[in-house]
């Protein structure tokens, strides 16, 4: 219970931490375009943005909606910026980012509704 309260209390801090980690992982300039990483690239996007969404899931529900919107917008901005830092910018990656956000957001809503009763 203490961990959940800490998680709730630090919703904004976790949002910024997640943003820094995602930005570092996706926008660090490379000397050459990366080869395909092990596993599915789209799955990496779903997991990365899903985890970032999970980081803000325990706090205030209305604030979480706004933070998810910010995560969504930043996911699109990353895809626009990536070609300028020698990365691939793909709209399918943006769709995978969005899928990760929506998956975790939906599960969070179901869990919160279940335990609200």
PDB file of N, CA and C in Angstrom:
ATOM      1  N   UNK A   1       0.823  -1.191   0.000  1.00  0.00           N
ATOM      2  CA  UNK A   1       0.000   0.000   0.000  1.00  0.00           C
ATOM      3  C   UNK A   1       0.875   1.266   0.000  1.00  0.00           C
ATOM      4  N   UNK A   2       1.978   1.208   0.707  1.00  0.00           N
ATOM      5  CA  UNK A   2       2.888   2.361   0.750  1.00  0.00           C
ATOM      6  C   UNK A   2       3.471   2.616  -0.634  1.00  0.00           C
ATOM      7  N   UNK A   3       3.821   1.539  -1.352  1.00  0.00           N
ATOM      8  CA  UNK A   3       4.377   1.697  -2.695  1.00  0.00           C
ATOM      9  C   UNK A   3       3.374   2.335  -3.647  1.00  0.00           C
ATOM     10  N   UNK A   4       2.113   1.949  -3.526  1.00  0.00           N
ATOM     11  CA  UNK A   4       1.077   2.534  -4.394  1.00  0.00           C
ATOM     12  C   UNK A   4       0.913   4.016  -4.090  1.00  0.00           C
ATOM     13  N   UNK A   5       0.936   4.384  -2.818  1.00  0.00           N
ATOM     14  CA  UNK A   5       0.829   5.813  -2.472  1.00  0.00           C
ATOM     15  C   UNK A   5       2.025   6.600  -2.983  1.00  0.00           C
ATOM     16  N   UNK A   6       3.218   6.026  -2.894  1.00  0.00           N
ATOM     17  CA  UNK A   6       4.401   6.689  -3.456  1.00  0.00           C
ATOM     18  C   UNK A   6       4.274   6.834  -4.966  1.00  0.00           C
ATOM     19  N   UNK A   7       3.795   5.777  -5.617  1.00  0.00           N
ATOM     20  CA  UNK A   7       3.594   5.788  -7.061  1.00  0.00           C
ATOM     21  C   UNK A   7       2.600   6.875  -7.445  1.00  0.00           C
ATOM     22  N   UNK A   8       1.510   7.001  -6.681  1.00  0.00           N
ATOM     23  CA  UNK A   8       0.508   8.035  -6.940  1.00  0.00           C
ATOM     24  C   UNK A   8       1.080   9.432  -6.730  1.00  0.00           C
ATOM     25  N   UNK A   9       1.828   9.589  -5.680  1.00  0.00           N
ATOM     26  CA  UNK A   9       2.365  10.897  -5.318  1.00  0.00           C
ATOM     27  C   UNK A   9       3.389  11.407  -6.331  1.00  0.00           C
ATOM     28  N   UNK A  10       4.062  10.495  -6.999  1.00  0.00           N
ATOM     29  CA  UNK A  10       5.140  10.879  -7.909  1.00  0.00           C
ATOM     30  C   UNK A  10       4.764  10.705  -9.383  1.00  0.00           C
ATOM     31  N   UNK A  11       3.476  10.831  -9.677  1.00  0.00           N
ATOM     32  CA  UNK A  11       2.985  10.654 -11.041  1.00  0.00           C
ATOM     33  C   UNK A  11       3.697  11.575 -12.032  1.00  0.00           C
ATOM     34  N   UNK A  12       3.829  12.841 -11.707  1.00  0.00           N
ATOM     35  CA  UNK A  12       4.458  13.806 -12.616  1.00  0.00           C
ATOM     36  C   UNK A  12       5.960  13.523 -12.741  1.00  0.00           C
ATOM     37  N   UNK A  13       6.614  13.228 -11.640  1.00  0.00           N
ATOM     38  CA  UNK A  13       8.052  12.909 -11.688  1.00  0.00           C
ATOM     39  C   UNK A  13       8.305  11.682 -12.553  1.00  0.00           C
ATOM     40  N   UNK A  14       7.450  10.672 -12.414  1.00  0.00           N
ATOM     41  CA  UNK A  14       7.599   9.455 -13.213  1.00  0.00           C
ATOM     42  C   UNK A  14       7.325   9.733 -14.689  1.00  0.00           C
ATOM     43  N   UNK A  15       6.406  10.648 -14.964  1.00  0.00           N
ATOM     44  CA  UNK A  15       6.137  11.045 -16.348  1.00  0.00           C
ATOM     45  C   UNK A  15       7.405  11.623 -16.978  1.00  0.00           C
ATOM     46  N   UNK A  16       8.056  12.541 -16.278  1.00  0.00           N
ATOM     47  CA  UNK A  16       9.270  13.150 -16.821  1.00  0.00           C
ATOM     48  C   UNK A  16      10.419  12.145 -16.906  1.00  0.00           C
ATOM     49  N   UNK A  17      10.547  11.271 -15.927  1.00  0.00           N
ATOM     50  CA  UNK A  17      11.573  10.236 -15.982  1.00  0.00           C
ATOM     51  C   UNK A  17      11.360   9.336 -17.200  1.00  0.00           C
ATOM     52  N   UNK A  18      10.133   8.890 -17.414  1.00  0.00           N
ATOM     53  CA  UNK A  18       9.815   8.067 -18.580  1.00  0.00           C
ATOM     54  C   UNK A  18      10.101   8.799 -19.881  1.00  0.00           C
ATOM     55  N   UNK A  19       9.766  10.072 -19.928  1.00  0.00           N
ATOM     56  CA  UNK A  19      10.025  10.868 -21.122  1.00  0.00           C
ATOM     57  C   UNK A  19      11.503  10.994 -21.422  1.00  0.00           C
ATOM     58  N   UNK A  20      12.289  11.180 -20.392  1.00  0.00           N
ATOM     59  CA  UNK A  20      13.745  11.269 -20.575  1.00  0.00           C
ATOM     60  C   UNK A  20      14.297   9.944 -21.086  1.00  0.00           C
ATOM     61  N   UNK A  21      13.852   8.836 -20.495  1.00  0.00           N
ATOM     62  CA  UNK A  21      14.347   7.519 -20.908  1.00  0.00           C
ATOM     63  C   UNK A  21      13.957   7.199 -22.356  1.00  0.00           C
ATOM     64  N   UNK A  22      12.695   7.440 -22.703  1.00  0.00           N
ATOM     65  CA  UNK A  22      12.232   7.189 -24.082  1.00  0.00           C
ATOM     66  C   UNK A  22      12.975   8.095 -25.057  1.00  0.00           C
ATOM     67  N   UNK A  23      13.129   9.364 -24.692  1.00  0.00           N
ATOM     68  CA  UNK A  23      13.813  10.315 -25.579  1.00  0.00           C
ATOM     69  C   UNK A  23      15.266   9.904 -25.794  1.00  0.00           C
ATOM     70  N   UNK A  24      15.923   9.507 -24.734  1.00  0.00           N
ATOM     71  CA  UNK A  24      17.318   9.054 -24.849  1.00  0.00           C
ATOM     72  C   UNK A  24      17.410   7.825 -25.750  1.00  0.00           C
ATOM     73  N   UNK A  25      16.499   6.872 -25.550  1.00  0.00           N
ATOM     74  CA  UNK A  25      16.543   5.628 -26.318  1.00  0.00           C
ATOM     75  C   UNK A  25      16.210   5.837 -27.794  1.00  0.00           C
ATOM     76  N   UNK A  26      15.385   6.826 -28.092  1.00  0.00           N
ATOM     77  CA  UNK A  26      14.914   6.979 -29.472  1.00  0.00           C
ATOM     78  C   UNK A  26      15.553   8.140 -30.229  1.00  0.00           C
ATOM     79  N   UNK A  27      16.181   9.060 -29.524  1.00  0.00           N
ATOM     80  CA  UNK A  27      16.707  10.250 -30.199  1.00  0.00           C
ATOM     81  C   UNK A  27      18.215  10.426 -30.083  1.00  0.00           C
ATOM     82  N   UNK A  28      18.900   9.486 -29.458  1.00  0.00           N
ATOM     83  CA  UNK A  28      20.352   9.577 -29.389  1.00  0.00           C
ATOM     84  C   UNK A  28      20.909   9.439 -30.803  1.00  0.00           C
ATOM     85  N   UNK A  29      21.663  10.436 -31.274  1.00  0.00           N
ATOM     86  CA  UNK A  29      22.204  10.344 -32.642  1.00  0.00           C
ATOM     87  C   UNK A  29      23.119   9.135 -32.804  1.00  0.00           C
ATOM     88  N   UNK A  30      23.020   8.515 -33.954  1.00  0.00           N
ATOM     89  CA  UNK A  30      23.840   7.351 -34.256  1.00  0.00           C
ATOM     90  C   UNK A  30      24.748   7.672 -35.439  1.00  0.00           C
ATOM     91  N   UNK A  31      25.924   7.062 -35.449  1.00  0.00           N
ATOM     92  CA  UNK A  31      26.847   7.292 -36.563  1.00  0.00           C
ATOM     93  C   UNK A  31      26.375   6.573 -37.825  1.00  0.00           C
ATOM     94  N   UNK A  32      25.648   5.469 -37.643  1.00  0.00           N
ATOM     95  CA  UNK A  32      25.052   4.768 -38.778  1.00  0.00           C
ATOM     96  C   UNK A  32      23.693   4.248 -38.357  1.00  0.00           C
ATOM     97  N   UNK A  33      22.821   4.054 -39.330  1.00  0.00           N
ATOM     98  CA  UNK A  33      21.485   3.574 -39.015  1.00  0.00           C
ATOM     99  C   UNK A  33      21.569   2.187 -38.393  1.00  0.00           C
ATOM    100  N   UNK A  34      20.783   1.944 -37.336  1.00  0.00           N
ATOM    101  CA  UNK A  34      20.898   0.665 -36.626  1.00  0.00           C
ATOM    102  C   UNK A  34      20.356  -0.501 -37.442  1.00  0.00           C
ATOM    103  N   UNK A  35      20.963  -1.661 -37.234  1.00  0.00           N
ATOM    104  CA  UNK A  35      20.422  -2.897 -37.799  1.00  0.00           C
ATOM    105  C   UNK A  35      19.206  -3.277 -36.957  1.00  0.00           C
ATOM    106  N   UNK A  36      18.430  -4.183 -37.442  1.00  0.00           N
ATOM    107  CA  UNK A  36      17.242  -4.619 -36.715  1.00  0.00           C
ATOM    108  C   UNK A  36      17.639  -5.210 -35.359  1.00  0.00           C
ATOM    109  N   UNK A  37      17.058  -4.691 -34.299  1.00  0.00           N
ATOM    110  CA  UNK A  37      17.302  -5.213 -32.952  1.00  0.00           C
ATOM    111  C   UNK A  37      16.614  -6.575 -32.804  1.00  0.00           C
ATOM    112  N   UNK A  38      17.092  -7.416 -31.888  1.00  0.00           N
ATOM    113  CA  UNK A  38      16.430  -8.707 -31.683  1.00  0.00           C
ATOM    114  C   UNK A  38      14.973  -8.513 -31.283  1.00  0.00           C
ATOM    115  N   UNK A  39      14.109  -9.336 -31.810  1.00  0.00           N
ATOM    116  CA  UNK A  39      12.686  -9.204 -31.539  1.00  0.00           C
ATOM    117  C   UNK A  39      12.040  -8.238 -32.511  1.00  0.00           C
ATOM    118  N   UNK A  40      10.773  -8.039 -32.348  1.00  0.00           N
ATOM    119  CA  UNK A  40      10.016  -7.165 -33.234  1.00  0.00           C
ATOM    120  C   UNK A  40      10.203  -5.702 -32.840  1.00  0.00           C
ATOM    121  N   UNK A  41      10.554  -4.887 -33.805  1.00  0.00           N
ATOM    122  CA  UNK A  41      10.709  -3.449 -33.560  1.00  0.00           C
ATOM    123  C   UNK A  41       9.408  -2.842 -33.040  1.00  0.00           C
ATOM    124  N   UNK A  42       8.296  -3.256 -33.619  1.00  0.00           N
ATOM    125  CA  UNK A  42       6.996  -2.703 -33.197  1.00  0.00           C
ATOM    126  C   UNK A  42       6.672  -3.117 -31.760  1.00  0.00           C
ATOM    127  N   UNK A  43       7.043  -4.345 -31.401  1.00  0.00           N
ATOM    128  CA  UNK A  43       6.828  -4.795 -30.024  1.00  0.00           C
ATOM    129  C   UNK A  43       7.645  -3.947 -29.056  1.00  0.00           C
ATOM    130  N   UNK A  44       8.855  -3.558 -29.449  1.00  0.00           N
ATOM    131  CA  UNK A  44       9.678  -2.680 -28.604  1.00  0.00           C
ATOM    132  C   UNK A  44       8.970  -1.347 -28.383  1.00  0.00           C
ATOM    133  N   UNK A  45       8.342  -0.824 -29.419  1.00  0.00           N
ATOM    134  CA  UNK A  45       7.613   0.442 -29.286  1.00  0.00           C
ATOM    135  C   UNK A  45       6.400   0.277 -28.380  1.00  0.00           C
ATOM    136  N   UNK A  46       5.650  -0.809 -28.561  1.00  0.00           N
ATOM    137  CA  UNK A  46       4.476  -1.055 -27.712  1.00  0.00           C
ATOM    138  C   UNK A  46       4.901  -1.152 -26.254  1.00  0.00           C
ATOM    139  N   UNK A  47       5.946  -1.920 -25.988  1.00  0.00           N
ATOM    140  CA  UNK A  47       6.413  -2.105 -24.609  1.00  0.00           C
ATOM    141  C   UNK A  47       6.954  -0.796 -24.038  1.00  0.00           C
ATOM    142  N   UNK A  48       7.787  -0.093 -24.799  1.00  0.00           N
ATOM    143  CA  UNK A  48       8.376   1.153 -24.300  1.00  0.00           C
ATOM    144  C   UNK A  48       7.324   2.191 -23.930  1.00  0.00           C
ATOM    145  N   UNK A  49       6.382   2.426 -24.818  1.00  0.00           N
ATOM    146  CA  UNK A  49       5.360   3.429 -24.536  1.00  0.00           C
ATOM    147  C   UNK A  49       4.321   2.911 -23.552  1.00  0.00           C
ATOM    148  N   UNK A  50       4.118   1.587 -23.530  1.00  0.00           N
ATOM    149  CA  UNK A  50       3.240   1.009 -22.518  1.00  0.00           C
ATOM    150  C   UNK A  50       3.819   1.168 -21.123  1.00  0.00           C
ATOM    151  N   UNK A  51       5.114   0.938 -20.979  1.00  0.00           N
ATOM    152  CA  UNK A  51       5.765   1.105 -19.678  1.00  0.00           C
ATOM    153  C   UNK A  51       5.723   2.568 -19.249  1.00  0.00           C
ATOM    154  N   UNK A  52       5.965   3.475 -20.181  1.00  0.00           N
ATOM    155  CA  UNK A  52       5.898   4.901 -19.841  1.00  0.00           C
ATOM    156  C   UNK A  52       4.486   5.255 -19.359  1.00  0.00           C
ATOM    157  N   UNK A  53       3.468   4.724 -20.020  1.00  0.00           N
ATOM    158  CA  UNK A  53       2.085   4.966 -19.600  1.00  0.00           C
ATOM    159  C   UNK A  53       1.833   4.342 -18.233  1.00  0.00           C
ATOM    160  N   UNK A  54       2.358   3.157 -18.011  1.00  0.00           N
ATOM    161  CA  UNK A  54       2.194   2.496 -16.715  1.00  0.00           C
ATOM    162  C   UNK A  54       2.822   3.322 -15.592  1.00  0.00           C
ATOM    163  N   UNK A  55       3.893   4.030 -15.913  1.00  0.00           N
ATOM    164  CA  UNK A  55       4.559   4.851 -14.895  1.00  0.00           C
ATOM    165  C   UNK A  55       3.644   5.947 -14.353  1.00  0.00           C
ATOM    166  N   UNK A  56       2.661   6.385 -15.135  1.00  0.00           N
ATOM    167  CA  UNK A  56       1.761   7.456 -14.679  1.00  0.00           C
ATOM    168  C   UNK A  56       0.376   6.931 -14.336  1.00  0.00           C
ATOM    169  N   UNK A  57       0.197   5.610 -14.345  1.00  0.00           N
ATOM    170  CA  UNK A  57      -1.127   5.012 -14.206  1.00  0.00           C
ATOM    171  C   UNK A  57      -1.733   5.104 -12.808  1.00  0.00           C
ATOM    172  N   UNK A  58      -0.937   5.166 -11.774  1.00  0.00           N
ATOM    173  CA  UNK A  58      -1.472   5.074 -10.420  1.00  0.00           C
ATOM    174  C   UNK A  58      -2.005   6.395  -9.887  1.00  0.00           C
ATOM    175  N   UNK A  59      -1.680   7.476 -10.495  1.00  0.00           N
ATOM    176  CA  UNK A  59      -2.095   8.780  -9.970  1.00  0.00           C
ATOM    177  C   UNK A  59      -3.507   9.151 -10.356  1.00  0.00           C
ATOM    178  N   UNK A  60      -3.770  10.426 -10.244  1.00  0.00           N
ATOM    179  CA  UNK A  60      -5.068  11.002 -10.554  1.00  0.00           C
ATOM    180  C   UNK A  60      -5.493  10.633 -11.981  1.00  0.00           C
ATOM    181  N   UNK A  61      -6.741  10.140 -12.128  1.00  0.00           N
ATOM    182  CA  UNK A  61      -7.230   9.660 -13.424  1.00  0.00           C
ATOM    183  C   UNK A  61      -7.313  10.775 -14.470  1.00  0.00           C
ATOM    184  N   UNK A  62      -7.806  11.935 -14.094  1.00  0.00           N
ATOM    185  CA  UNK A  62      -7.910  13.041 -15.055  1.00  0.00           C
ATOM    186  C   UNK A  62      -6.520  13.481 -15.505  1.00  0.00           C
ATOM    187  N   UNK A  63      -5.598  13.578 -14.561  1.00  0.00           N
ATOM    188  CA  UNK A  63      -4.230  13.947 -14.907  1.00  0.00           C
ATOM    189  C   UNK A  63      -3.604  12.879 -15.797  1.00  0.00           C
ATOM    190  N   UNK A  64      -3.909  11.611 -15.525  1.00  0.00           N
ATOM    191  CA  UNK A  64      -3.376  10.539 -16.354  1.00  0.00           C
ATOM    192  C   UNK A  64      -3.825  10.699 -17.803  1.00  0.00           C
ATOM    193  N   UNK A  65      -5.064  11.116 -18.017  1.00  0.00           N
ATOM    194  CA  UNK A  65      -5.558  11.326 -19.381  1.00  0.00           C
ATOM    195  C   UNK A  65      -4.710  12.374 -20.100  1.00  0.00           C
ATOM    196  N   UNK A  66      -4.424  13.472 -19.428  1.00  0.00           N
ATOM    197  CA  UNK A  66      -3.600  14.524 -20.031  1.00  0.00           C
ATOM    198  C   UNK A  66      -2.167  14.046 -20.269  1.00  0.00           C
ATOM    199  N   UNK A  67      -1.635  13.284 -19.328  1.00  0.00           N
ATOM    200  CA  UNK A  67      -0.271  12.763 -19.496  1.00  0.00           C
ATOM    201  C   UNK A  67      -0.207  11.761 -20.650  1.00  0.00           C
ATOM    202  N   UNK A  68      -1.251  10.942 -20.799  1.00  0.00           N
ATOM    203  CA  UNK A  68      -1.291  10.013 -21.938  1.00  0.00           C
ATOM    204  C   UNK A  68      -1.364  10.780 -23.254  1.00  0.00           C
ATOM    205  N   UNK A  69      -2.098  11.871 -23.278  1.00  0.00           N
ATOM    206  CA  UNK A  69      -2.147  12.713 -24.477  1.00  0.00           C
ATOM    207  C   UNK A  69      -0.758  13.277 -24.775  1.00  0.00           C
ATOM    208  N   UNK A  70      -0.042  13.701 -23.748  1.00  0.00           N
ATOM    209  CA  UNK A  70       1.317  14.225 -23.930  1.00  0.00           C
ATOM    210  C   UNK A  70       2.252  13.124 -24.422  1.00  0.00           C
ATOM    211  N   UNK A  71       2.115  11.923 -23.891  1.00  0.00           N
ATOM    212  CA  UNK A  71       2.930  10.789 -24.344  1.00  0.00           C
ATOM    213  C   UNK A  71       2.648  10.508 -25.816  1.00  0.00           C
ATOM    214  N   UNK A  72       1.377  10.526 -26.193  1.00  0.00           N
ATOM    215  CA  UNK A  72       0.964  10.315 -27.579  1.00  0.00           C
ATOM    216  C   UNK A  72       1.585  11.364 -28.507  1.00  0.00           C
ATOM    217  N   UNK A  73       1.495  12.622 -28.123  1.00  0.00           N
ATOM    218  CA  UNK A  73       2.051  13.711 -28.941  1.00  0.00           C
ATOM    219  C   UNK A  73       3.566  13.581 -29.050  1.00  0.00           C
ATOM    220  N   UNK A  74       4.236  13.276 -27.937  1.00  0.00           N
ATOM    221  CA  UNK A  74       5.686  13.136 -27.980  1.00  0.00           C
ATOM    222  C   UNK A  74       6.087  11.935 -28.840  1.00  0.00           C
ATOM    223  N   UNK A  75       5.297  10.868 -28.827  1.00  0.00           N
ATOM    224  CA  UNK A  75       5.573   9.724 -29.686  1.00  0.00           C
ATOM    225  C   UNK A  75       5.558  10.112 -31.162  1.00  0.00           C
ATOM    226  N   UNK A  76       4.610  10.959 -31.551  1.00  0.00           N
ATOM    227  CA  UNK A  76       4.572  11.461 -32.924  1.00  0.00           C
ATOM    228  C   UNK A  76       5.735  12.381 -33.229  1.00  0.00           C
ATOM    229  N   UNK A  77       6.063  13.247 -32.281  1.00  0.00           N
ATOM    230  CA  UNK A  77       7.181  14.178 -32.478  1.00  0.00           C
ATOM    231  C   UNK A  77       8.496  13.415 -32.639  1.00  0.00           C
ATOM    232  N   UNK A  78       8.670  12.357 -31.877  1.00  0.00           N
ATOM    233  CA  UNK A  78       9.884  11.544 -31.989  1.00  0.00           C
ATOM    234  C   UNK A  78      10.042  11.006 -33.405  1.00  0.00           C
ATOM    235  N   UNK A  79       8.943  10.512 -33.973  1.00  0.00           N
ATOM    236  CA  UNK A  79       9.020   9.963 -35.333  1.00  0.00           C
ATOM    237  C   UNK A  79       9.358  11.040 -36.353  1.00  0.00           C
ATOM    238  N   UNK A  80       8.960  12.275 -36.107  1.00  0.00           N
ATOM    239  CA  UNK A  80       9.306  13.378 -37.003  1.00  0.00           C
ATOM    240  C   UNK A  80      10.762  13.816 -36.836  1.00  0.00           C
ATOM    241  N   UNK A  81      11.283  13.708 -35.623  1.00  0.00           N
ATOM    242  CA  UNK A  81      12.648  14.151 -35.321  1.00  0.00           C
ATOM    243  C   UNK A  81      13.684  13.106 -35.726  1.00  0.00           C
ATOM    244  N   UNK A  82      13.353  11.834 -35.627  1.00  0.00           N
ATOM    245  CA  UNK A  82      14.336  10.767 -35.815  1.00  0.00           C
ATOM    246  C   UNK A  82      15.162  10.849 -37.107  1.00  0.00           C
ATOM    247  N   UNK A  83      14.595  11.192 -38.256  1.00  0.00           N
ATOM    248  CA  UNK A  83      15.444  11.263 -39.457  1.00  0.00           C
ATOM    249  C   UNK A  83      16.580  12.293 -39.343  1.00  0.00           C
ATOM    250  N   UNK A  84      16.434  13.281 -38.482  1.00  0.00           N
ATOM    251  CA  UNK A  84      17.453  14.309 -38.303  1.00  0.00           C
ATOM    252  C   UNK A  84      18.583  13.870 -37.375  1.00  0.00           C
ATOM    253  N   UNK A  85      18.395  12.726 -36.686  1.00  0.00           N
ATOM    254  CA  UNK A  85      19.446  12.190 -35.812  1.00  0.00           C
ATOM    255  C   UNK A  85      19.888  10.807 -36.289  1.00  0.00           C
ATOM    256  N   UNK A  86      19.782  10.599 -37.610  1.00  0.00           N
ATOM    257  CA  UNK A  86      20.215   9.369 -38.252  1.00  0.00           C
ATOM    258  C   UNK A  86      19.485   8.135 -37.704  1.00  0.00           C
ATOM    259  N   UNK A  87      18.183   8.279 -37.557  1.00  0.00           N
ATOM    260  CA  UNK A  87      17.317   7.178 -37.142  1.00  0.00           C
ATOM    261  C   UNK A  87      16.199   7.046 -38.171  1.00  0.00           C
ATOM    262  N   UNK A  88      15.485   5.944 -38.107  1.00  0.00           N
ATOM    263  CA  UNK A  88      14.322   5.754 -38.970  1.00  0.00           C
ATOM    264  C   UNK A  88      13.092   6.359 -38.300  1.00  0.00           C
ATOM    265  N   UNK A  89      12.395   7.221 -38.989  1.00  0.00           N
ATOM    266  CA  UNK A  89      11.112   7.728 -38.514  1.00  0.00           C
ATOM    267  C   UNK A  89      10.010   7.031 -39.292  1.00  0.00           C
ATOM    268  N   UNK A  90       9.174   6.267 -38.625  1.00  0.00           N
ATOM    269  CA  UNK A  90       8.127   5.498 -39.303  1.00  0.00           C
ATOM    270  C   UNK A  90       6.780   5.735 -38.646  1.00  0.00           C
ATOM    271  N   UNK A  91       5.771   5.894 -39.472  1.00  0.00           N
ATOM    272  CA  UNK A  91       4.431   6.067 -38.924  1.00  0.00           C
ATOM    273  C   UNK A  91       3.920   4.776 -38.305  1.00  0.00           C
ATOM    274  N   UNK A  92       4.400   3.625 -38.778  1.00  0.00           N
ATOM    275  CA  UNK A  92       4.009   2.372 -38.131  1.00  0.00           C
ATOM    276  C   UNK A  92       4.558   2.299 -36.707  1.00  0.00           C
ATOM    277  N   UNK A  93       5.711   2.911 -36.466  1.00  0.00           N
ATOM    278  CA  UNK A  93       6.229   3.007 -35.094  1.00  0.00           C
ATOM    279  C   UNK A  93       5.295   3.862 -34.246  1.00  0.00           C
ATOM    280  N   UNK A  94       4.808   4.948 -34.823  1.00  0.00           N
ATOM    281  CA  UNK A  94       3.869   5.821 -34.101  1.00  0.00           C
ATOM    282  C   UNK A  94       2.593   5.056 -33.755  1.00  0.00           C
ATOM    283  N   UNK A  95       2.129   4.224 -34.671  1.00  0.00           N
ATOM    284  CA  UNK A  95       0.942   3.410 -34.391  1.00  0.00           C
ATOM    285  C   UNK A  95       1.236   2.423 -33.272  1.00  0.00           C
ATOM    286  N   UNK A  96       2.429   1.834 -33.276  1.00  0.00           N
ATOM    287  CA  UNK A  96       2.820   0.907 -32.203  1.00  0.00           C
ATOM    288  C   UNK A  96       2.933   1.648 -30.867  1.00  0.00           C
ATOM    289  N   UNK A  97       3.483   2.869 -30.887  1.00  0.00           N
ATOM    290  CA  UNK A  97       3.545   3.687 -29.665  1.00  0.00           C
ATOM    291  C   UNK A  97       2.131   3.886 -29.108  1.00  0.00           C
ATOM    292  N   UNK A  98       1.224   4.261 -29.997  1.00  0.00           N
ATOM    293  CA  UNK A  98      -0.159   4.515 -29.610  1.00  0.00           C
ATOM    294  C   UNK A  98      -0.818   3.248 -29.077  1.00  0.00           C
ATOM    295  N   UNK A  99      -0.531   2.113 -29.686  1.00  0.00           N
ATOM    296  CA  UNK A  99      -1.086   0.843 -29.205  1.00  0.00           C
ATOM    297  C   UNK A  99      -0.623   0.554 -27.775  1.00  0.00           C
ATOM    298  N   UNK A 100       0.638   0.811 -27.478  1.00  0.00           N
ATOM    299  CA  UNK A 100       1.140   0.613 -26.118  1.00  0.00           C
ATOM    300  C   UNK A 100       0.447   1.511 -25.116  1.00  0.00           C
ATOM    301  N   UNK A 101       0.242   2.771 -25.502  1.00  0.00           N
ATOM    302  CA  UNK A 101      -0.449   3.726 -24.627  1.00  0.00           C
ATOM    303  C   UNK A 101      -1.882   3.261 -24.374  1.00  0.00           C
ATOM    304  N   UNK A 102      -2.602   2.946 -25.453  1.00  0.00           N
ATOM    305  CA  UNK A 102      -4.013   2.562 -25.320  1.00  0.00           C
ATOM    306  C   UNK A 102      -4.188   1.248 -24.568  1.00  0.00           C
ATOM    307  N   UNK A 103      -3.295   0.309 -24.784  1.00  0.00           N
ATOM    308  CA  UNK A 103      -3.367  -0.975 -24.087  1.00  0.00           C
ATOM    309  C   UNK A 103      -3.262  -0.786 -22.581  1.00  0.00           C
ATOM    310  N   UNK A 104      -2.252  -0.065 -22.148  1.00  0.00           N
ATOM    311  CA  UNK A 104      -2.054   0.143 -20.703  1.00  0.00           C
ATOM    312  C   UNK A 104      -3.151   1.049 -20.136  1.00  0.00           C
ATOM    313  N   UNK A 105      -3.543   2.071 -20.887  1.00  0.00           N
ATOM    314  CA  UNK A 105      -4.614   2.957 -20.415  1.00  0.00           C
ATOM    315  C   UNK A 105      -5.910   2.167 -20.219  1.00  0.00           C
ATOM    316  N   UNK A 106      -6.252   1.315 -21.194  1.00  0.00           N
ATOM    317  CA  UNK A 106      -7.468   0.515 -21.082  1.00  0.00           C
ATOM    318  C   UNK A 106      -7.435  -0.443 -19.910  1.00  0.00           C
ATOM    319  N   UNK A 107      -6.322  -1.129 -19.738  1.00  0.00           N
ATOM    320  CA  UNK A 107      -6.188  -2.055 -18.608  1.00  0.00           C
ATOM    321  C   UNK A 107      -6.280  -1.298 -17.288  1.00  0.00           C
ATOM    322  N   UNK A 108      -5.641  -0.139 -17.229  1.00  0.00           N
ATOM    323  CA  UNK A 108      -5.687   0.678 -16.011  1.00  0.00           C
ATOM    324  C   UNK A 108      -7.117   1.076 -15.667  1.00  0.00           C
ATOM    325  N   UNK A 109      -7.876   1.494 -16.682  1.00  0.00           N
ATOM    326  CA  UNK A 109      -9.275   1.874 -16.446  1.00  0.00           C
ATOM    327  C   UNK A 109     -10.080   0.693 -15.916  1.00  0.00           C
ATOM    328  N   UNK A 110      -9.873  -0.488 -16.488  1.00  0.00           N
ATOM    329  CA  UNK A 110     -10.588  -1.677 -16.029  1.00  0.00           C
ATOM    330  C   UNK A 110     -10.224  -2.026 -14.590  1.00  0.00           C
ATOM    331  N   UNK A 111      -8.946  -1.985 -14.265  1.00  0.00           N
ATOM    332  CA  UNK A 111      -8.497  -2.323 -12.910  1.00  0.00           C
ATOM    333  C   UNK A 111      -9.036  -1.311 -11.911  1.00  0.00           C
ATOM    334  N   UNK A 112      -8.962  -0.027 -12.239  1.00  0.00           N
ATOM    335  CA  UNK A 112      -9.464   0.997 -11.312  1.00  0.00           C
ATOM    336  C   UNK A 112     -10.964   0.883 -11.131  1.00  0.00           C
ATOM    337  N   UNK A 113     -11.709   0.571 -12.186  1.00  0.00           N
ATOM    338  CA  UNK A 113     -13.158   0.396 -12.073  1.00  0.00           C
ATOM    339  C   UNK A 113     -13.485  -0.823 -11.216  1.00  0.00           C
ATOM    340  N   UNK A 114     -12.720  -1.871 -11.349  1.00  0.00           N
ATOM    341  CA  UNK A 114     -12.949  -3.101 -10.589  1.00  0.00           C
ATOM    342  C   UNK A 114     -12.735  -2.877  -9.096  1.00  0.00           C
ATOM    343  N   UNK A 115     -11.694  -2.158  -8.735  1.00  0.00           N
ATOM    344  CA  UNK A 115     -11.377  -1.963  -7.327  1.00  0.00           C
ATOM    345  C   UNK A 115     -12.048  -0.749  -6.722  1.00  0.00           C
ATOM    346  N   UNK A 116     -12.762   0.007  -7.531  1.00  0.00           N
ATOM    347  CA  UNK A 116     -13.510   1.156  -7.016  1.00  0.00           C
ATOM    348  C   UNK A 116     -14.774   0.705  -6.329  1.00  0.00           C
ATOM    349  N   UNK A 117     -15.293  -0.469  -6.746  1.00  0.00           N
ATOM    350  CA  UNK A 117     -16.550  -1.000  -6.205  1.00  0.00           C
ATOM    351  C   UNK A 117     -16.463  -1.320  -4.744  1.00  0.00           C
TER     352      UNK A 117
END
